Structure formats: structure tokens, C-alpha cells
Amino acid sequence: MRVLVVEDEEGILEPVLALLRRERYEAVGAKSLEEAWALLAEGEPEVVVLDVMLPEGEEAGFRFAEALRQAGYRGGILFLTARDALEDRVAGLELGGDDYLVKPFHLAELLARVRALARREAEFKGRVFQRGPLRVDLAARRVFLGEEEVRLSPKAFALLELLALNPEKTFSREELLERLFPEAQSEAVLRVYVQKLRQGLAPWVVERVPGGYRLGRP
């Protein structure tokens, strides 16, 4: 279970990461949104623990959560912040947050809230998506075409997973680049991974349509 912690205060970030790792979570930390996007490109977390006030601005965490949801992220988002006004809590939840923990906090409470979000996400991802001969085991991160298992790179799987979780949605090229390849300098990297899926699985798996890409049909 992967947890991304976005927190610019090292005195908070390091104890949180240490706690989560002791509990056998794959915990990774970022002190800025630039670092957070880079870690997201390496693998989608089941839970994001997110400070609101970051180097990019006093409401940078809110904007980041909003961008994640618009890009199709369905995992848990736990806001971690000193801003405890009612309007801040409401704004965070309306922008896509699932929970809100005010600083200072006890590590035991944070762990309990992360566990609750992780259980919810595990239940959601425990299912297997199937379309025609394509079968994607979201929990085990395994892909089959018919009876044959197909090995995909982490980024290729992330692209397929996003399409499988939103099978009727058309993603614009800009959305996919921002969500999966924020470090990319051009659309070329997206075309490479689309081609990898088409070659590794079947040409119909990723369909190019006006406005972007979506999961295809056999």
C-alpha cells in the first residue's frame, strides 16, 4: 500500500514517514508540489497525506487536491494542516479531500485515519476490471490478455489503470501528461506509452479519439 506524504516541515514529514514505514506502508515524501508530481509519476499512491500550506502558496494543497481529482485520482486524500477554521475544512472536502487532521496531532490518530482510507481504497481496488480478453487485476497490478499474462512497466500500467478505472471517459492529452508524466517536455512521451500498450496488449486497447484517448473495445 503506497502512501504519498506532501509536507514541507521536515520535523513533521520524517516522523510521519518513519511511522508509516514501520507499519509496512510504502511511504514516500515530498516537500514541494514539484517533488509530489514526480513521485506520482513513479506510481499512484492509495492515500495522499497533504499539507495545505506549501512553498507554492498558502492554499497550494487545496489546488493540488483539486488537480488530482480532475485528473481522475480516486484514492484517499487526508489534509494535514494548522488551518482549523470551518470554512477551510469545508473547502478542503469540497475540493476532493476525504478527511482533515489539524496540527498539532498525535501520530496514532494520523495512522488510524490513514488505515481507514487505505481500507476503503483496498476494497475499491480489490476488483478485477475486464473488457473482452483484457483483464486488469487492480489489487495485484497484473494484466492478462486472454490466458496470457502481460508484463508492463510501472508507467505503462499506470496509464492502463487510469483508463480502466474510467472506462467511458476520454482523457485529453494535457490531462494525461499532467497526471502521469508531469516531468515530460512534450507529448512524445505519452505517445510512446500508448504505443507500448498497443504493442504489448492489442491495438484496440487504447483508442485515439477527437480530444484525446480512452479505453478501447475489441
Protein backbone atom coordinates (compact mmCIF):
# COMPACT_ATOMS: atom_id res chain seq x y z
CA MET A 1 0.00 0.00 0.00
CA ARG A 2 1.64 3.25 -1.20
CA VAL A 3 1.21 6.50 0.75
CA LEU A 4 2.45 9.87 -0.50
CA VAL A 5 3.09 12.47 2.22
CA VAL A 6 3.38 16.07 0.98
CA GLU A 7 4.71 18.20 3.84
CA ASP A 8 7.39 20.90 3.79
CA GLU A 9 8.18 20.78 7.53
CA GLU A 10 10.90 18.17 7.97
CA GLY A 11 10.08 17.86 11.68
CA ILE A 12 6.66 16.53 10.69
CA LEU A 13 7.50 14.76 7.44
CA GLU A 14 10.23 12.48 8.78
CA PRO A 15 8.32 11.13 11.85
CA VAL A 16 5.22 10.51 9.71
CA LEU A 17 7.23 8.62 7.09
CA ALA A 18 9.02 6.60 9.79
CA LEU A 19 5.70 5.65 11.40
CA LEU A 20 4.11 4.59 8.13
CA ARG A 21 7.15 2.55 7.12
CA ARG A 22 7.17 0.77 10.49
CA GLU A 23 3.57 -0.17 9.74
CA ARG A 24 4.74 -1.65 6.41
CA TYR A 25 3.33 1.03 4.16
CA GLU A 26 5.35 2.06 1.13
CA ALA A 27 5.64 5.68 2.28
CA VAL A 28 7.28 8.36 0.15
CA GLY A 29 7.63 12.04 1.00
CA ALA A 30 7.70 15.33 -0.89
CA LYS A 31 8.45 18.84 0.41
CA SER A 32 7.00 20.61 -2.64
CA LEU A 33 4.42 20.05 -5.35
CA GLU A 34 7.17 19.59 -7.93
CA GLU A 35 8.52 16.66 -5.90
CA ALA A 36 4.99 15.34 -5.38
CA TRP A 37 4.19 15.24 -9.11
CA ALA A 38 7.49 13.46 -9.77
CA LEU A 39 6.65 10.78 -7.18
CA LEU A 40 3.15 10.37 -8.61
CA ALA A 41 4.71 9.63 -11.99
CA GLU A 42 6.62 6.74 -10.39
CA GLY A 43 3.48 5.09 -9.02
CA GLU A 44 0.00 6.05 -7.88
CA PRO A 45 -0.49 6.04 -4.10
CA GLU A 46 -3.59 4.65 -2.45
CA VAL A 47 -3.53 7.55 0.05
CA VAL A 48 -2.16 11.10 -0.12
CA VAL A 49 -1.43 12.91 3.15
CA LEU A 50 -1.35 16.54 2.11
CA ASP A 51 -0.39 19.76 3.87
CA VAL A 52 -2.40 22.77 2.73
CA MET A 53 0.28 25.45 3.12
CA LEU A 54 3.29 24.57 0.97
CA PRO A 55 6.15 26.55 -0.59
CA GLU A 56 3.94 27.15 -3.65
CA GLY A 57 1.33 29.07 -1.64
CA GLU A 58 -0.98 29.15 1.39
CA GLU A 59 -3.64 27.12 -0.44
CA ALA A 60 -1.32 25.08 -2.66
CA GLY A 61 -2.50 21.82 -1.08
CA PHE A 62 -6.11 22.62 -1.94
CA ARG A 63 -5.18 23.34 -5.56
CA PHE A 64 -3.12 20.14 -5.74
CA ALA A 65 -6.01 18.04 -4.44
CA GLU A 66 -8.36 19.66 -6.93
CA ALA A 67 -5.95 18.90 -9.79
CA LEU A 68 -5.65 15.28 -8.66
CA ARG A 69 -9.40 14.78 -8.68
CA GLN A 70 -9.81 16.46 -12.05
CA ALA A 71 -7.15 14.13 -13.42
CA GLY A 72 -9.11 11.08 -12.26
CA TYR A 73 -7.36 10.21 -8.99
CA ARG A 74 -9.72 8.16 -6.80
CA GLY A 75 -7.50 7.38 -3.82
CA GLY A 76 -7.85 8.83 -0.35
CA ILE A 77 -6.77 12.40 0.43
CA LEU A 78 -6.10 13.40 4.03
CA PHE A 79 -5.43 17.10 4.60
CA LEU A 80 -2.88 17.80 7.31
CA THR A 81 -2.80 21.47 8.31
CA ALA A 82 -2.79 24.10 11.02
CA ARG A 83 -5.77 25.81 9.37
CA ASP A 84 -8.71 24.73 11.50
CA ALA A 85 -11.40 27.25 10.52
CA LEU A 86 -14.72 25.74 9.47
CA GLU A 87 -14.52 27.35 6.02
CA ASP A 88 -11.11 25.72 5.45
CA ARG A 89 -12.44 22.30 6.37
CA VAL A 90 -15.45 22.73 4.10
CA ALA A 91 -13.29 24.00 1.22
CA GLY A 92 -10.92 21.05 1.54
CA LEU A 93 -13.70 18.48 1.50
CA GLU A 94 -15.48 20.14 -1.41
CA LEU A 95 -12.25 20.16 -3.43
CA GLY A 96 -11.92 16.39 -3.12
CA GLY A 97 -10.49 15.73 0.32
CA ASP A 98 -11.73 12.76 2.35
CA ASP A 99 -10.51 13.73 5.81
CA TYR A 100 -8.98 16.68 7.64
CA LEU A 101 -6.49 16.46 10.53
CA VAL A 102 -5.46 19.65 12.34
CA LYS A 103 -1.94 20.28 13.62
CA PRO A 104 -0.70 19.58 16.22
CA PHE A 105 -1.83 15.97 16.09
CA HIS A 106 -0.95 12.59 17.59
CA LEU A 107 0.78 10.14 15.27
CA ALA A 108 -1.59 7.40 16.46
CA GLU A 109 -4.58 9.37 15.21
CA LEU A 110 -2.94 10.05 11.85
CA LEU A 111 -2.17 6.34 11.48
CA ALA A 112 -5.79 5.41 12.26
CA ARG A 113 -7.08 7.82 9.63
CA VAL A 114 -4.61 6.58 7.01
CA ARG A 115 -5.64 3.00 7.76
CA ALA A 116 -9.31 3.86 7.30
CA LEU A 117 -8.66 5.48 3.91
CA ALA A 118 -6.38 2.63 2.86
CA ARG A 119 -9.06 0.03 3.71
CA ARG A 120 -11.59 1.91 1.61
CA GLU A 121 -9.20 2.10 -1.31
CA ALA A 122 -8.24 -1.58 -0.99
CA GLU A 123 -11.91 -2.55 -1.20
CA PHE A 124 -12.29 -0.42 -4.32
CA LYS A 125 -9.16 -1.72 -5.99
CA GLY A 126 -9.79 -5.29 -4.96
CA ARG A 127 -11.94 -5.82 -8.00
CA VAL A 128 -10.81 -7.02 -11.39
CA PHE A 129 -11.63 -4.98 -14.47
CA GLN A 130 -12.39 -6.91 -17.63
CA ARG A 131 -13.22 -5.87 -21.18
CA GLY A 132 -13.19 -8.55 -23.82
CA PRO A 133 -9.99 -10.59 -23.44
CA LEU A 134 -8.33 -7.82 -21.40
CA ARG A 135 -8.29 -8.41 -17.63
CA VAL A 136 -6.68 -5.99 -15.19
CA ASP A 137 -6.23 -7.08 -11.57
CA LEU A 138 -6.05 -3.68 -9.88
CA ALA A 139 -5.03 -5.01 -6.47
CA ALA A 140 -2.27 -7.32 -7.67
CA ARG A 141 -1.28 -4.94 -10.50
CA ARG A 142 -1.32 -7.78 -13.04
CA VAL A 143 -2.58 -7.68 -16.61
CA PHE A 144 -3.84 -10.55 -18.75
CA LEU A 145 -4.83 -10.80 -22.38
CA GLY A 146 -6.84 -13.98 -22.60
CA GLU A 147 -4.93 -16.53 -20.54
CA GLU A 148 -1.55 -14.90 -21.10
CA GLU A 149 -0.10 -12.52 -18.51
CA VAL A 150 1.49 -9.42 -19.98
CA ARG A 151 4.27 -7.65 -18.07
CA LEU A 152 4.06 -3.86 -18.15
CA SER A 153 6.40 -1.19 -16.86
CA PRO A 154 5.10 0.84 -13.88
CA LYS A 155 4.27 3.84 -16.06
CA ALA A 156 2.58 1.76 -18.74
CA PHE A 157 0.49 0.07 -16.03
CA ALA A 158 -0.37 3.47 -14.53
CA LEU A 159 -1.73 4.60 -17.90
CA LEU A 160 -3.76 1.41 -18.36
CA GLU A 161 -5.02 1.57 -14.76
CA LEU A 162 -6.25 5.13 -15.19
CA LEU A 163 -8.13 4.20 -18.37
CA ALA A 164 -9.57 1.04 -16.78
CA LEU A 165 -10.79 2.96 -13.72
CA ASN A 166 -12.53 5.44 -16.01
CA PRO A 167 -13.56 3.19 -18.93
CA GLU A 168 -16.05 5.58 -20.51
CA LYS A 169 -14.04 8.77 -20.09
CA THR A 170 -11.99 10.48 -22.78
CA PHE A 171 -8.79 11.94 -21.35
CA SER A 172 -7.23 14.90 -23.11
CA ARG A 173 -3.55 14.67 -23.89
CA GLU A 174 -2.96 17.53 -21.47
CA GLU A 175 -4.75 15.66 -18.65
CA LEU A 176 -2.72 12.51 -19.19
CA LEU A 177 0.56 14.39 -19.35
CA GLU A 178 -0.19 16.34 -16.18
CA ARG A 179 -1.42 13.27 -14.32
CA LEU A 180 1.11 10.66 -15.37
CA PHE A 181 4.08 12.43 -16.93
CA PRO A 182 4.39 15.87 -15.28
CA GLU A 183 8.11 15.95 -15.97
CA ALA A 184 7.64 15.45 -19.73
CA GLN A 185 8.70 18.24 -22.05
CA SER A 186 6.44 17.19 -24.93
CA GLU A 187 3.59 14.88 -25.90
CA ALA A 188 6.09 12.42 -27.36
CA VAL A 189 6.45 10.52 -24.06
CA LEU A 190 2.68 9.93 -23.93
CA ARG A 191 2.68 8.58 -27.48
CA VAL A 192 5.49 6.19 -26.51
CA TYR A 193 3.46 4.64 -23.68
CA VAL A 194 0.28 4.49 -25.73
CA GLN A 195 2.26 2.58 -28.32
CA LYS A 196 3.71 0.28 -25.65
CA LEU A 197 0.21 -0.70 -24.55
CA ARG A 198 -0.98 -1.24 -28.10
CA GLN A 199 2.03 -3.39 -28.95
CA GLY A 200 2.17 -5.29 -25.66
CA LEU A 201 -1.57 -5.96 -25.43
CA ALA A 202 -3.59 -5.21 -28.57
CA PRO A 203 -4.03 -2.24 -30.93
CA TRP A 204 -7.61 -1.68 -29.73
CA VAL A 205 -6.73 -1.27 -26.04
CA VAL A 206 -6.04 2.48 -26.27
CA GLU A 207 -8.27 4.35 -28.67
CA ARG A 208 -7.36 7.76 -30.01
CA VAL A 209 -10.44 9.95 -30.42
CA PRO A 210 -11.05 13.64 -31.04
CA GLY A 211 -9.85 15.39 -27.92
CA GLY A 212 -7.55 12.67 -26.61
CA TYR A 213 -7.53 8.99 -25.63
CA ARG A 214 -9.84 6.48 -23.98
CA LEU A 215 -10.02 2.77 -23.30
CA GLY A 216 -10.97 0.98 -26.50
CA ARG A 217 -13.14 -2.01 -27.24
CA PRO A 218 -12.19 -5.22 -29.04
